[in-house]
Amino acid sequence: MEEAKMKVKTDMGLIKSNARKKMERCRNSEDRLISQLEVENQALRKHISAEVNEIIDQAIAKFSAELISNGECNGIRKGRNRNFTQSSGSKIQENGEFKHDPEDTFYEIPLQICHEPVPIRSLRKVSYDGRPANDLSRKSEDTIPDFETILIQVGEFGNYQKILFLAMFLFAFSEAFLYLSQIFITLIPDGHWCKVPQLSNLTIEQRKLLSIPLKDSKYDSCRMYSVNYTDLLRTGITLADPTWPTTECQHGWEYDFSEIPYSTIATELNWVCDQNTLAPWAQASFFCGAIVGGLVFGWIADRFGRVPALVLTNFIGFVFGTMTAFSTTFWQFAVCRFFVGLAFDNCFTMMYIITLEYVGPTWRTFVSNMSIAVFFTLAESLLPWIAYYVANWKWLCIWTSLPLLVGVGIGWIVPESARWLLSQGRVDETISIMRRFEKMNNKHVDEKIYESLKKSCQNLITQDKDQKRYSMLDLFRSARLRNVTCLLIVIWMSISLLFDGHVRQVEHLGLDFFITFTIASATELPADTLLTFTLDKWGRRWYAAATMILSGVFSLMSCSFETGRCFDYN
């Protein structure tokens, strides 16, 4: 019996020894192959163009995949749905169970889900527990923390994050007011007709009966009878003859303010009939500004920081939003709205990004959706009644610009994006901000963690000095990234067209405009709330596809209703 035990123990020792030798040979072989490919890759890149570089990356990626699937070692294998593969090192049998060999090391290859080319320089050596293995003697307590780790330790949604979340209320109001206020300052009542000064002593109905021809059983908005109204009054005629000649409006227009109880810039400047395209052109000017603003302030945010971009957008929005009230011509109005468009979206998005960066992953879905569901929806729903009770388009411009002025002051209190600071090498400022969060949230973070973060960032900065700087054009160089970018452009264009189209067609439903607008805006609250509590459970891709399909179907169905005037803009 003792001899059998000794034999088994000897055999196990030999098996273990052979396994170690085999793994060592595999590692050495992989090291040589990877080193050789890296040297050849670097040498070739010095003499060939960027187009050939992409081909090389694809070839290297293919070889890497073959190495994973066909290699004799179990030290490398593909992960699933991860940026970096999950791998298992060699295992040893101990007490009847297989365990990781603590001395084992394997290679981890970053493989993207859609099988994009993976340069061999992306290979990195890691230990059995996923830690970098450049120094195999490194202990677990020396693991370098990332920003997410520190964020969790200072509190995922503590007092400081709650303050930032509540501060988003002001910026959400600013965005809603910038986006939607132009609807209320360019409203044109459906009831408008040619003005005839000679008939000013008559009632509205008497004036229309005598001077306005009928068109499709309704009073024409753009033509009047071309007759001598002084003679008609003298002879006592009170009803027009349909055979009378007609002409275009000669003295301007009159408007029915019973449904929209205030004058707008469109009614003051008579943007009707042959000038009915001026209001849409002014809105187009606003959106052109939004396009330019997205590019300009995106660059400013990357170059100078999120907070300067946030403050600048709010300042520009306030200045030109207020100046809009003093416009007396179409071109003055259009120019002001262009610069207001520069601030649109950016005045909220910058704050949105900063807040989400400081919220832990557990609360991120809640904060990202509820800020829209509550704050933006509330602003949308209140705006019609602000316009209704202010009852003056100039004062409406001023009142809806005031939140932007407050945003300028609050912007200087908001902490700068920690990730942006880290990307700029400003590690001390990042740590200072995290200490603030730590204090406000009544948390404690070990000083060694901050020191480890500082050390790792300094190493990355040194390594990244010679790295290529990327531009917007790089979004279209890689096939996968190009496809994703184009898909996002199409999706967001569709969403924007649908949302904006529905918002602007509310006035044509034949109901009270202010009530209808409020109800339409309020529907975002249950929609976004449902999204908040189901998104992490059901996922993003199919959720997005299903909601867009439903929106398209119901939008087409709405065009079949009699009260709808989906394609009537006159």
Protein backbone atom coordinates (compact mmCIF):
# COMPACT_ATOMS: atom_id res chain seq x y z
CA MET A 1 0.00 0.00 0.00
CA GLU A 2 2.83 2.36 0.93
CA GLU A 3 4.60 1.51 -2.35
CA ALA A 4 1.42 2.38 -4.32
CA LYS A 5 1.11 5.74 -2.55
CA MET A 6 4.76 6.53 -3.22
CA LYS A 7 4.31 5.57 -6.88
CA VAL A 8 1.24 7.83 -7.21
CA LYS A 9 3.06 10.71 -5.52
CA THR A 10 6.08 10.21 -7.80
CA ASP A 11 3.85 10.09 -10.87
CA MET A 12 2.05 13.26 -9.78
CA GLY A 13 5.34 15.01 -9.29
CA LEU A 14 6.48 13.99 -12.76
CA ILE A 15 3.18 15.11 -14.30
CA LYS A 16 3.40 18.45 -12.55
CA SER A 17 7.03 18.89 -13.58
CA ASN A 18 6.26 18.03 -17.19
CA ALA A 19 3.28 20.40 -17.21
CA ARG A 20 5.45 23.24 -15.92
CA LYS A 21 8.10 22.55 -18.56
CA LYS A 22 5.50 22.44 -21.30
CA MET A 23 3.95 25.72 -20.20
CA GLU A 24 7.39 27.31 -20.01
CA ARG A 25 8.14 26.17 -23.57
CA CYS A 26 4.77 27.57 -24.69
CA ARG A 27 5.46 30.91 -23.04
CA ASN A 28 8.95 31.11 -24.49
CA SER A 29 7.63 30.22 -27.92
CA GLU A 30 4.87 32.84 -27.66
CA ASP A 31 7.36 35.44 -26.41
CA ARG A 32 9.62 34.81 -29.39
CA LEU A 33 6.75 34.91 -31.90
CA ILE A 34 5.28 38.07 -30.43
CA SER A 35 8.64 39.81 -30.16
CA GLN A 36 9.51 38.86 -33.72
CA LEU A 37 6.20 40.12 -35.06
CA GLU A 38 6.52 43.35 -33.07
CA VAL A 39 10.01 44.05 -34.44
CA GLU A 40 8.95 43.29 -38.00
CA ASN A 41 5.79 45.37 -37.57
CA GLN A 42 7.71 48.40 -36.31
CA ALA A 43 10.29 48.11 -39.09
CA LEU A 44 7.64 47.92 -41.79
CA ARG A 45 5.65 50.85 -40.42
CA LYS A 46 8.60 53.14 -40.93
CA HIS A 47 8.54 52.62 -44.70
CA ILE A 48 4.94 52.13 -45.72
CA SER A 49 1.81 54.22 -45.90
CA ALA A 50 -1.13 54.37 -43.54
CA GLU A 51 -3.25 52.26 -45.90
CA VAL A 52 -0.79 49.38 -45.75
CA ASN A 53 -0.64 49.76 -41.96
CA GLU A 54 -4.28 48.81 -41.80
CA ILE A 55 -3.64 45.68 -43.86
CA ILE A 56 -0.80 44.70 -41.52
CA ASP A 57 -3.04 45.18 -38.50
CA GLN A 58 -5.60 42.87 -40.06
CA ALA A 59 -2.98 40.22 -40.78
CA ILE A 60 -1.62 40.45 -37.25
CA ALA A 61 -5.12 40.20 -35.83
CA LYS A 62 -5.75 37.09 -37.90
CA PHE A 63 -2.55 35.51 -36.67
CA SER A 64 -3.45 36.41 -33.09
CA ALA A 65 -6.80 34.70 -33.47
CA GLU A 66 -5.14 31.59 -34.92
CA LEU A 67 -2.69 31.58 -32.03
CA ILE A 68 -5.63 31.56 -29.65
CA SER A 69 -7.70 28.89 -31.38
CA ASN A 70 -4.93 26.55 -32.59
CA GLY A 71 -2.21 26.88 -29.94
CA GLU A 72 -1.26 23.90 -27.84
CA CYS A 73 -1.32 25.92 -24.64
CA ASN A 74 -4.38 26.74 -22.61
CA GLY A 75 -2.73 29.93 -21.52
CA ILE A 76 -4.64 31.92 -24.14
CA ARG A 77 -8.31 31.75 -25.09
CA LYS A 78 -11.02 34.07 -26.30
CA GLY A 79 -13.31 35.88 -23.97
CA ARG A 80 -16.89 36.77 -24.81
CA ASN A 81 -18.42 40.21 -25.08
CA ARG A 82 -15.50 41.90 -23.32
CA ASN A 83 -12.92 44.45 -24.32
CA PHE A 84 -10.22 42.19 -22.89
CA THR A 85 -10.38 38.40 -22.99
CA GLN A 86 -10.94 36.32 -19.92
CA SER A 87 -8.19 33.75 -19.76
CA SER A 88 -7.22 30.80 -17.66
CA GLY A 89 -3.66 29.98 -16.80
CA SER A 90 -2.34 26.48 -16.38
CA LYS A 91 -3.91 24.55 -13.58
CA ILE A 92 -2.38 22.10 -11.13
CA GLN A 93 -4.14 19.33 -9.29
CA GLU A 94 -4.07 19.55 -5.54
CA ASN A 95 -6.15 17.47 -3.17
CA GLY A 96 -8.26 16.27 -6.07
CA GLU A 97 -9.09 19.81 -7.27
CA PHE A 98 -7.66 21.91 -10.08
CA LYS A 99 -6.29 25.28 -9.01
CA HIS A 100 -4.39 28.11 -10.70
CA ASP A 101 -0.66 27.82 -10.41
CA PRO A 102 0.39 31.07 -8.61
CA GLU A 103 3.60 31.15 -10.59
CA ASP A 104 1.84 30.87 -13.92
CA THR A 105 1.64 33.69 -16.42
CA PHE A 106 -0.30 33.97 -19.68
CA TYR A 107 -1.00 36.51 -22.38
CA GLU A 108 -4.19 38.49 -22.67
CA ILE A 109 -5.13 39.73 -26.12
CA PRO A 110 -7.67 42.58 -26.40
CA LEU A 111 -10.25 41.30 -28.89
CA GLN A 112 -13.17 43.49 -29.88
CA ILE A 113 -16.64 42.06 -30.24
CA CYS A 114 -16.87 42.76 -33.98
CA HIS A 115 -13.47 41.23 -34.73
CA GLU A 116 -11.65 44.42 -35.58
CA PRO A 117 -7.92 44.27 -36.40
CA VAL A 118 -5.92 44.02 -33.19
CA PRO A 119 -2.31 45.24 -33.45
CA ILE A 120 0.21 42.90 -31.88
CA ARG A 121 1.48 45.79 -29.79
CA SER A 122 -1.81 45.54 -27.89
CA LEU A 123 -0.79 42.19 -26.38
CA ARG A 124 -0.01 42.49 -22.73
CA LYS A 125 1.35 40.02 -20.22
CA VAL A 126 -0.89 39.32 -17.23
CA SER A 127 -0.79 37.04 -14.24
CA TYR A 128 -3.31 34.33 -13.47
CA ASP A 129 -5.61 36.74 -11.63
CA GLY A 130 -5.67 39.31 -14.43
CA ARG A 131 -2.96 41.64 -13.02
CA PRO A 132 -0.13 42.94 -15.25
CA ALA A 133 2.73 40.50 -14.91
CA ASN A 134 5.74 42.56 -15.90
CA ASP A 135 6.85 41.91 -12.33
CA LEU A 136 5.68 38.48 -11.23
CA SER A 137 6.57 39.20 -7.65
CA ARG A 138 4.05 42.05 -7.47
CA LYS A 139 1.58 41.59 -4.64
CA SER A 140 -2.16 42.07 -4.92
CA GLU A 141 -2.07 45.18 -2.75
CA ASP A 142 0.18 46.84 -5.35
CA THR A 143 -2.48 46.61 -8.05
CA ILE A 144 -2.90 50.03 -9.65
CA PRO A 145 -6.48 51.30 -9.21
CA ASP A 146 -8.43 52.87 -12.03
CA PHE A 147 -10.71 55.90 -11.71
CA GLU A 148 -13.86 53.78 -11.39
CA THR A 149 -12.37 51.99 -8.38
CA ILE A 150 -11.66 55.26 -6.60
CA LEU A 151 -15.10 56.59 -7.58
CA ILE A 152 -16.78 53.64 -5.91
CA GLN A 153 -14.73 54.17 -2.76
CA VAL A 154 -15.61 57.88 -2.47
CA GLY A 155 -19.29 57.04 -3.00
CA GLU A 156 -21.22 56.21 -6.17
CA PHE A 157 -24.14 58.53 -5.42
CA GLY A 158 -23.26 60.41 -2.27
CA ASN A 159 -24.06 63.93 -1.16
CA TYR A 160 -21.79 65.57 -3.74
CA GLN A 161 -23.26 63.58 -6.64
CA LYS A 162 -26.77 64.41 -5.46
CA ILE A 163 -25.91 68.11 -5.49
CA LEU A 164 -24.62 67.80 -9.06
CA PHE A 165 -27.76 65.88 -10.03
CA LEU A 166 -30.02 68.60 -8.64
CA ALA A 167 -27.89 71.30 -10.30
CA MET A 168 -28.70 69.67 -13.65
CA PHE A 169 -32.25 70.96 -13.14
CA LEU A 170 -31.14 74.50 -14.06
CA PHE A 171 -29.22 73.44 -17.16
CA ALA A 172 -32.07 71.19 -18.33
CA PHE A 173 -34.42 74.19 -18.09
CA SER A 174 -31.96 76.25 -20.13
CA GLU A 175 -31.81 73.65 -22.88
CA ALA A 176 -35.58 73.21 -23.04
CA PHE A 177 -36.16 76.98 -23.15
CA LEU A 178 -33.53 77.52 -25.86
CA TYR A 179 -34.90 74.72 -27.99
CA LEU A 180 -38.64 75.32 -27.66
CA SER A 181 -39.05 79.04 -26.98
CA GLN A 182 -38.70 79.91 -30.67
CA ILE A 183 -41.96 78.07 -31.31
CA PHE A 184 -43.77 80.49 -29.00
CA ILE A 185 -42.09 83.65 -30.28
CA THR A 186 -42.87 82.87 -33.93
CA LEU A 187 -46.43 81.55 -33.54
CA ILE A 188 -48.89 82.66 -36.20
CA PRO A 189 -52.63 82.26 -35.51
CA ASP A 190 -54.52 80.24 -38.09
CA GLY A 191 -57.01 83.08 -38.28
CA HIS A 192 -55.47 86.00 -40.19
CA TRP A 193 -56.77 88.08 -43.11
CA CYS A 194 -56.05 91.21 -45.10
CA LYS A 195 -56.34 94.50 -43.28
CA VAL A 196 -58.64 97.12 -44.83
CA PRO A 197 -58.22 100.51 -43.06
CA GLN A 198 -61.43 101.93 -44.55
CA LEU A 199 -63.47 99.30 -42.68
CA SER A 200 -61.92 99.83 -39.25
CA ASN A 201 -65.24 101.06 -37.78
CA LEU A 202 -66.98 97.75 -38.56
CA THR A 203 -66.86 94.60 -36.46
CA ILE A 204 -64.40 91.85 -37.39
CA GLU A 205 -67.12 89.68 -38.87
CA GLN A 206 -68.55 92.59 -40.90
CA ARG A 207 -65.09 93.43 -42.24
CA LYS A 208 -64.49 89.85 -43.38
CA LEU A 209 -67.94 89.56 -45.00
CA LEU A 210 -67.34 92.67 -47.06
CA SER A 211 -63.63 92.44 -47.93
CA ILE A 212 -62.35 88.83 -47.78
CA PRO A 213 -63.17 86.20 -50.43
CA LEU A 214 -63.85 82.59 -49.46
CA LYS A 215 -61.40 79.78 -50.26
CA ASP A 216 -62.45 76.17 -49.58
CA SER A 217 -65.31 77.46 -47.40
CA LYS A 218 -62.87 79.51 -45.31
CA TYR A 219 -61.83 83.12 -45.46
CA ASP A 220 -58.75 83.58 -47.63
CA SER A 221 -55.70 84.63 -45.63
CA CYS A 222 -53.79 86.25 -48.47
CA ARG A 223 -56.27 87.99 -50.76
CA MET A 224 -58.93 90.73 -50.54
CA TYR A 225 -61.49 92.23 -52.89
CA SER A 226 -60.11 95.03 -55.05
CA VAL A 227 -62.94 97.56 -54.78
CA ASN A 228 -63.60 101.08 -53.49
CA TYR A 229 -64.65 100.42 -49.91
CA THR A 230 -65.50 104.08 -49.26
CA ASP A 231 -68.17 103.94 -51.98
CA LEU A 232 -69.44 100.60 -50.65
CA LEU A 233 -69.93 102.06 -47.19
CA ARG A 234 -71.65 105.11 -48.65
CA THR A 235 -74.12 102.93 -50.58
CA GLY A 236 -74.75 100.67 -47.58
CA ILE A 237 -73.46 97.40 -49.12
CA THR A 238 -72.48 94.96 -46.33
CA LEU A 239 -71.97 91.69 -48.25
CA ALA A 240 -69.32 91.07 -50.89
CA ASP A 241 -70.10 89.90 -54.41
CA PRO A 242 -67.99 86.79 -55.23
CA THR A 243 -67.54 88.10 -58.78
CA TRP A 244 -65.59 91.14 -57.59
CA PRO A 245 -61.91 91.20 -58.59
CA THR A 246 -59.37 90.25 -55.93
CA THR A 247 -55.85 91.33 -55.14
CA GLU A 248 -53.10 90.60 -52.64
CA CYS A 249 -53.22 92.24 -49.23
CA GLN A 250 -52.33 95.92 -49.60
CA HIS A 251 -52.24 97.19 -46.02
CA GLY A 252 -50.96 94.29 -43.98
CA TRP A 253 -52.92 91.72 -41.97
CA GLU A 254 -55.22 91.36 -39.03
CA TYR A 255 -54.85 88.41 -36.63
CA ASP A 256 -57.27 86.49 -34.45
CA PHE A 257 -55.63 86.47 -31.00
CA SER A 258 -58.42 84.54 -29.30
CA GLU A 259 -56.40 81.30 -29.29
CA ILE A 260 -52.90 82.77 -29.05
CA PRO A 261 -53.36 85.80 -26.77
CA TYR A 262 -50.27 87.78 -27.68
CA SER A 263 -48.40 89.22 -30.61
CA THR A 264 -45.23 87.50 -31.84
CA ILE A 265 -42.37 88.67 -34.03
CA ALA A 266 -43.98 86.74 -36.88
CA THR A 267 -47.24 88.67 -36.56
CA GLU A 268 -45.50 92.01 -36.05
CA LEU A 269 -43.38 91.53 -39.19
CA ASN A 270 -46.19 89.74 -41.08
CA TRP A 271 -44.38 86.48 -41.89
CA VAL A 272 -47.42 85.13 -43.73
CA CYS A 273 -48.52 84.39 -47.30
CA ASP A 274 -45.58 85.08 -49.62
CA GLN A 275 -43.29 85.45 -46.58
CA ASN A 276 -44.50 82.38 -44.71
CA THR A 277 -41.11 80.66 -45.14
CA LEU A 278 -39.27 83.20 -42.98
CA ALA A 279 -40.17 81.54 -39.66
CA PRO A 280 -38.89 78.12 -40.85
CA TRP A 281 -35.73 79.79 -42.17
CA ALA A 282 -35.17 81.40 -38.79
CA GLN A 283 -35.55 77.98 -37.17
CA ALA A 284 -33.09 76.54 -39.69
CA SER A 285 -30.64 79.27 -38.68
CA PHE A 286 -30.97 78.09 -35.08
CA PHE A 287 -30.15 74.50 -36.01
CA CYS A 288 -27.21 75.57 -38.19
CA GLY A 289 -25.85 77.28 -35.11
CA ALA A 290 -26.37 74.05 -33.16
CA ILE A 291 -24.29 72.13 -35.72
CA VAL A 292 -21.46 74.65 -35.56
CA GLY A 293 -21.73 74.83 -31.77
CA GLY A 294 -21.41 71.07 -31.42
CA LEU A 295 -18.15 71.11 -33.38
CA VAL A 296 -16.70 74.27 -31.86
CA PHE A 297 -17.57 73.60 -28.23
CA GLY A 298 -16.63 69.95 -28.58
CA TRP A 299 -13.14 71.11 -29.52
CA ILE A 300 -13.11 73.71 -26.73
CA ALA A 301 -14.17 71.05 -24.20
CA ASP A 302 -11.35 68.77 -25.29
CA ARG A 303 -8.78 71.53 -25.44
CA PHE A 304 -9.62 73.73 -22.44
CA GLY A 305 -11.93 71.58 -20.35
CA ARG A 306 -15.63 70.89 -19.85
CA VAL A 307 -16.27 73.67 -17.34
CA PRO A 308 -14.95 76.53 -19.57
CA ALA A 309 -17.10 75.17 -22.41
CA LEU A 310 -20.10 74.98 -20.07
CA VAL A 311 -19.68 78.56 -18.86
CA LEU A 312 -19.08 79.94 -22.36
CA THR A 313 -22.12 78.24 -23.90
CA ASN A 314 -24.40 79.53 -21.14
CA PHE A 315 -22.98 83.04 -21.49
CA ILE A 316 -23.46 83.10 -25.28
CA GLY A 317 -26.98 81.71 -24.92
CA PHE A 318 -27.92 84.39 -22.40
CA VAL A 319 -26.46 87.30 -24.41
CA PHE A 320 -28.01 86.41 -27.75
CA GLY A 321 -31.23 85.10 -26.21
CA THR A 322 -31.72 88.52 -24.67
CA MET A 323 -30.68 90.32 -27.87
CA THR A 324 -33.38 88.39 -29.73
CA ALA A 325 -35.97 90.53 -27.92
CA PHE A 326 -34.63 93.65 -29.66
CA SER A 327 -34.78 92.27 -33.21
CA THR A 328 -36.73 94.42 -35.66
CA THR A 329 -35.93 92.63 -38.93
CA PHE A 330 -35.75 89.05 -40.09
CA TRP A 331 -31.96 89.12 -40.48
CA GLN A 332 -31.40 90.46 -36.99
CA PHE A 333 -33.63 87.74 -35.62
CA ALA A 334 -31.96 85.00 -37.68
CA VAL A 335 -28.44 86.03 -36.62
CA CYS A 336 -29.44 86.10 -32.94
CA ARG A 337 -31.04 82.67 -33.23
CA PHE A 338 -27.91 81.30 -34.92
CA PHE A 339 -25.80 82.26 -31.91
CA VAL A 340 -28.46 80.99 -29.53
CA GLY A 341 -28.20 77.72 -31.46
CA LEU A 342 -24.47 77.65 -30.70
CA ALA A 343 -25.34 77.33 -27.01
CA PHE A 344 -28.24 74.92 -27.50
CA ASP A 345 -27.58 71.39 -26.27
CA ASN A 346 -24.02 72.25 -25.19
CA CYS A 347 -25.36 74.33 -22.28
CA PHE A 348 -26.79 71.10 -20.84
CA THR A 349 -24.63 68.36 -22.36
CA MET A 350 -21.42 69.57 -20.70
CA MET A 351 -23.06 69.45 -17.26
CA TYR A 352 -24.65 66.12 -18.15
CA ILE A 353 -21.26 64.60 -19.00
CA ILE A 354 -19.55 65.96 -15.89
CA THR A 355 -22.29 64.65 -13.61
CA LEU A 356 -22.33 61.18 -15.17
CA GLU A 357 -18.54 60.94 -14.88
CA TYR A 358 -18.77 61.42 -11.12
CA VAL A 359 -21.70 59.04 -10.61
CA GLY A 360 -20.82 55.40 -9.97
CA PRO A 361 -21.84 52.69 -12.45
CA THR A 362 -24.67 51.46 -10.22
CA TRP A 363 -26.51 54.81 -10.39
CA ARG A 364 -25.50 55.94 -13.86
CA THR A 365 -28.60 54.71 -15.69
CA PHE A 366 -30.86 56.34 -13.11
CA VAL A 367 -29.13 59.73 -13.25
CA SER A 368 -28.78 59.81 -17.04
CA ASN A 369 -32.48 59.15 -17.65
CA MET A 370 -34.23 60.73 -14.68
CA SER A 371 -32.49 64.05 -15.30
CA ILE A 372 -34.31 64.12 -18.64
CA ALA A 373 -37.53 62.57 -17.34
CA VAL A 374 -37.97 65.06 -14.51
CA PHE A 375 -36.06 68.26 -15.28
CA PHE A 376 -36.38 68.54 -19.07
CA THR A 377 -40.00 67.35 -19.05
CA LEU A 378 -40.92 69.83 -16.32
CA ALA A 379 -39.35 72.68 -18.30
CA GLU A 380 -41.19 71.61 -21.48
CA SER A 381 -44.51 71.44 -19.68
CA LEU A 382 -44.11 74.82 -17.99
CA LEU A 383 -42.94 76.77 -21.04
CA PRO A 384 -46.40 77.11 -22.71
CA TRP A 385 -47.81 78.65 -19.55
CA ILE A 386 -44.87 80.99 -19.12
CA ALA A 387 -45.55 82.20 -22.66
CA TYR A 388 -49.28 82.39 -22.00
CA TYR A 389 -49.02 84.53 -18.86
CA VAL A 390 -46.10 86.70 -20.02
CA ALA A 391 -48.12 87.35 -23.22
CA ASN A 392 -45.27 89.28 -24.85
CA TRP A 393 -42.71 87.67 -27.13
CA LYS A 394 -39.95 90.12 -26.18
CA TRP A 395 -40.31 89.51 -22.47
CA LEU A 396 -40.56 85.80 -23.16
CA CYS A 397 -37.10 85.94 -24.79
CA ILE A 398 -35.68 87.65 -21.71
CA TRP A 399 -37.35 85.40 -19.14
CA THR A 400 -36.30 82.20 -20.90
CA SER A 401 -32.70 83.46 -21.08
CA LEU A 402 -32.35 84.10 -17.34
CA PRO A 403 -31.55 80.48 -16.37
CA LEU A 404 -28.52 80.70 -18.66
CA LEU A 405 -27.18 83.65 -16.69
CA VAL A 406 -27.50 81.70 -13.44
CA GLY A 407 -25.80 78.79 -15.19
CA VAL A 408 -22.77 80.98 -15.86
CA GLY A 409 -22.29 81.49 -12.12
CA ILE A 410 -22.96 77.88 -11.15
CA GLY A 411 -20.59 76.71 -13.86
CA TRP A 412 -17.60 77.97 -11.89
CA ILE A 413 -18.67 75.90 -8.88
CA VAL A 414 -19.01 72.64 -10.82
CA PRO A 415 -15.87 70.44 -10.61
CA GLU A 416 -13.91 69.89 -13.79
CA SER A 417 -14.16 66.49 -15.44
CA ALA A 418 -11.73 64.18 -13.63
CA ARG A 419 -11.20 62.03 -16.70
CA TRP A 420 -10.34 65.10 -18.76
CA LEU A 421 -7.89 66.25 -16.09
CA LEU A 422 -6.25 62.82 -16.09
CA SER A 423 -5.98 62.90 -19.88
CA GLN A 424 -4.15 66.22 -19.56
CA GLY A 425 -1.78 64.90 -16.92
CA ARG A 426 -3.28 67.08 -14.17
CA VAL A 427 -3.36 64.26 -11.65
CA ASP A 428 -2.99 66.44 -8.54
CA GLU A 429 -6.14 68.39 -9.46
CA THR A 430 -8.03 65.14 -9.98
CA ILE A 431 -6.97 63.83 -6.58
CA SER A 432 -7.94 67.16 -5.00
CA ILE A 433 -11.44 66.85 -6.49
CA MET A 434 -11.76 63.26 -5.32
CA ARG A 435 -10.76 64.33 -1.80
CA ARG A 436 -13.61 66.85 -1.95
CA PHE A 437 -16.03 64.07 -2.87
CA GLU A 438 -14.56 61.91 -0.14
CA LYS A 439 -15.17 64.63 2.46
CA MET A 440 -18.68 65.54 1.28
CA ASN A 441 -19.73 61.88 1.14
CA ASN A 442 -18.22 61.04 4.56
CA LYS A 443 -15.97 58.38 3.05
CA HIS A 444 -12.32 57.49 3.52
CA VAL A 445 -9.88 56.41 0.81
CA ASP A 446 -6.45 55.02 1.63
CA GLU A 447 -3.68 57.44 0.70
CA LYS A 448 -1.82 54.60 -1.03
CA ILE A 449 -4.61 54.35 -3.59
CA TYR A 450 -4.17 57.99 -4.61
CA GLU A 451 -0.40 57.48 -4.81
CA SER A 452 -0.88 54.40 -6.99
CA LEU A 453 -3.23 56.33 -9.29
CA LYS A 454 -0.74 59.17 -9.53
CA LYS A 455 2.11 56.81 -10.36
CA SER A 456 0.13 54.91 -13.00
CA CYS A 457 -1.02 58.14 -14.67
CA GLN A 458 2.53 59.47 -14.80
CA ASN A 459 3.67 56.24 -16.46
CA LEU A 460 0.85 56.45 -19.00
CA ILE A 461 1.67 60.08 -19.78
CA THR A 462 5.28 59.11 -20.45
CA GLN A 463 4.20 56.24 -22.70
CA ASP A 464 1.64 58.34 -24.60
CA LYS A 465 3.96 61.20 -25.53
CA ASP A 466 4.72 59.72 -28.94
CA GLN A 467 1.22 58.37 -29.54
CA LYS A 468 -0.77 59.53 -32.54
CA ARG A 469 -3.26 62.36 -32.00
CA TYR A 470 -6.70 61.52 -33.32
CA SER A 471 -9.20 63.72 -35.11
CA MET A 472 -12.80 63.42 -36.25
CA LEU A 473 -11.57 61.88 -39.52
CA ASP A 474 -10.37 58.83 -37.60
CA LEU A 475 -14.02 57.93 -37.01
CA PHE A 476 -14.14 56.93 -40.69
CA ARG A 477 -10.78 55.17 -41.11
CA SER A 478 -11.67 51.85 -39.48
CA ALA A 479 -14.44 49.83 -41.14
CA ARG A 480 -16.25 49.00 -37.90
CA LEU A 481 -15.93 52.48 -36.46
CA ARG A 482 -17.06 53.98 -39.77
CA ASN A 483 -20.16 51.77 -39.81
CA VAL A 484 -21.04 52.62 -36.21
CA THR A 485 -20.52 56.35 -36.83
CA CYS A 486 -22.72 56.38 -39.94
CA LEU A 487 -25.37 54.34 -38.15
CA LEU A 488 -25.43 56.77 -35.23
CA ILE A 489 -25.73 59.72 -37.62
CA VAL A 490 -28.73 58.15 -39.36
CA ILE A 491 -30.39 57.15 -36.07
CA TRP A 492 -29.99 60.58 -34.48
CA MET A 493 -31.20 62.32 -37.64
CA SER A 494 -34.31 60.14 -37.58
CA ILE A 495 -34.93 60.76 -33.88
CA SER A 496 -34.43 64.51 -34.24
CA LEU A 497 -36.72 64.76 -37.28
CA LEU A 498 -39.44 62.75 -35.57
CA PHE A 499 -39.25 64.60 -32.26
CA ASP A 500 -39.02 68.05 -33.81
CA GLY A 501 -41.74 67.29 -36.32
CA HIS A 502 -44.18 66.19 -33.64
CA VAL A 503 -43.43 69.21 -31.47
CA ARG A 504 -44.13 71.62 -34.32
CA GLN A 505 -47.31 69.90 -35.47
CA VAL A 506 -49.05 70.17 -32.10
CA GLU A 507 -50.59 73.51 -33.10
CA HIS A 508 -52.37 71.80 -36.02
CA LEU A 509 -54.32 69.27 -33.94
CA GLY A 510 -57.34 71.58 -33.78
CA LEU A 511 -57.23 71.71 -29.97
CA ASP A 512 -56.04 74.29 -27.46
CA PHE A 513 -52.38 74.73 -28.35
CA PHE A 514 -51.10 75.38 -24.82
CA ILE A 515 -52.90 72.42 -23.23
CA THR A 516 -51.98 70.08 -26.08
CA PHE A 517 -48.32 71.10 -25.93
CA THR A 518 -48.22 70.47 -22.18
CA ILE A 519 -49.78 67.01 -22.51
CA ALA A 520 -47.44 66.08 -25.36
CA SER A 521 -44.44 67.17 -23.29
CA ALA A 522 -45.62 65.33 -20.17
CA THR A 523 -45.61 62.00 -22.02
CA GLU A 524 -41.83 62.01 -21.73
CA LEU A 525 -42.03 61.48 -17.97
CA PRO A 526 -43.53 57.95 -18.00
CA ALA A 527 -41.48 57.02 -21.07
CA ASP A 528 -38.15 58.00 -19.53
CA THR A 529 -39.11 56.59 -16.13
CA LEU A 530 -39.91 53.21 -17.69
CA LEU A 531 -36.59 53.36 -19.50
CA THR A 532 -34.73 54.06 -16.26
CA PHE A 533 -35.96 50.92 -14.50
CA THR A 534 -35.84 48.50 -17.45
CA LEU A 535 -32.80 49.54 -19.49
CA ASP A 536 -30.22 47.58 -17.51
CA LYS A 537 -32.51 44.56 -17.44
CA TRP A 538 -33.52 44.45 -21.10
CA GLY A 539 -30.44 45.91 -22.74
CA ARG A 540 -29.86 48.78 -25.15
CA ARG A 541 -29.83 47.53 -28.73
CA TRP A 542 -33.21 45.81 -29.02
CA TYR A 543 -34.79 48.39 -26.74
CA ALA A 544 -33.65 51.17 -29.09
CA ALA A 545 -34.85 49.30 -32.17
CA ALA A 546 -38.26 48.50 -30.67
CA THR A 547 -38.97 52.05 -29.50
CA MET A 548 -37.98 53.54 -32.86
CA ILE A 549 -40.20 51.08 -34.72
CA LEU A 550 -43.13 51.89 -32.44
CA SER A 551 -42.56 55.62 -32.93
CA GLY A 552 -42.53 55.20 -36.70
CA VAL A 553 -45.70 53.09 -36.73
CA PHE A 554 -47.70 55.46 -34.53
CA SER A 555 -46.42 58.49 -36.42
CA LEU A 556 -47.76 57.04 -39.67
CA MET A 557 -51.05 56.17 -37.98
CA SER A 558 -51.45 59.73 -36.69
CA CYS A 559 -51.46 61.03 -40.26
CA SER A 560 -54.73 59.21 -40.94
CA PHE A 561 -56.72 61.28 -38.44
CA GLU A 562 -58.96 63.99 -39.87
CA THR A 563 -57.68 66.67 -37.52
CA GLY A 564 -54.07 65.94 -38.51
CA ARG A 565 -52.46 68.19 -41.09
CA CYS A 566 -49.16 66.36 -41.34
CA PHE A 567 -48.12 67.88 -44.62
CA ASP A 568 -50.01 71.17 -44.54
CA TYR A 569 -47.70 74.05 -43.60
CA ASN A 570 -49.80 76.93 -44.91
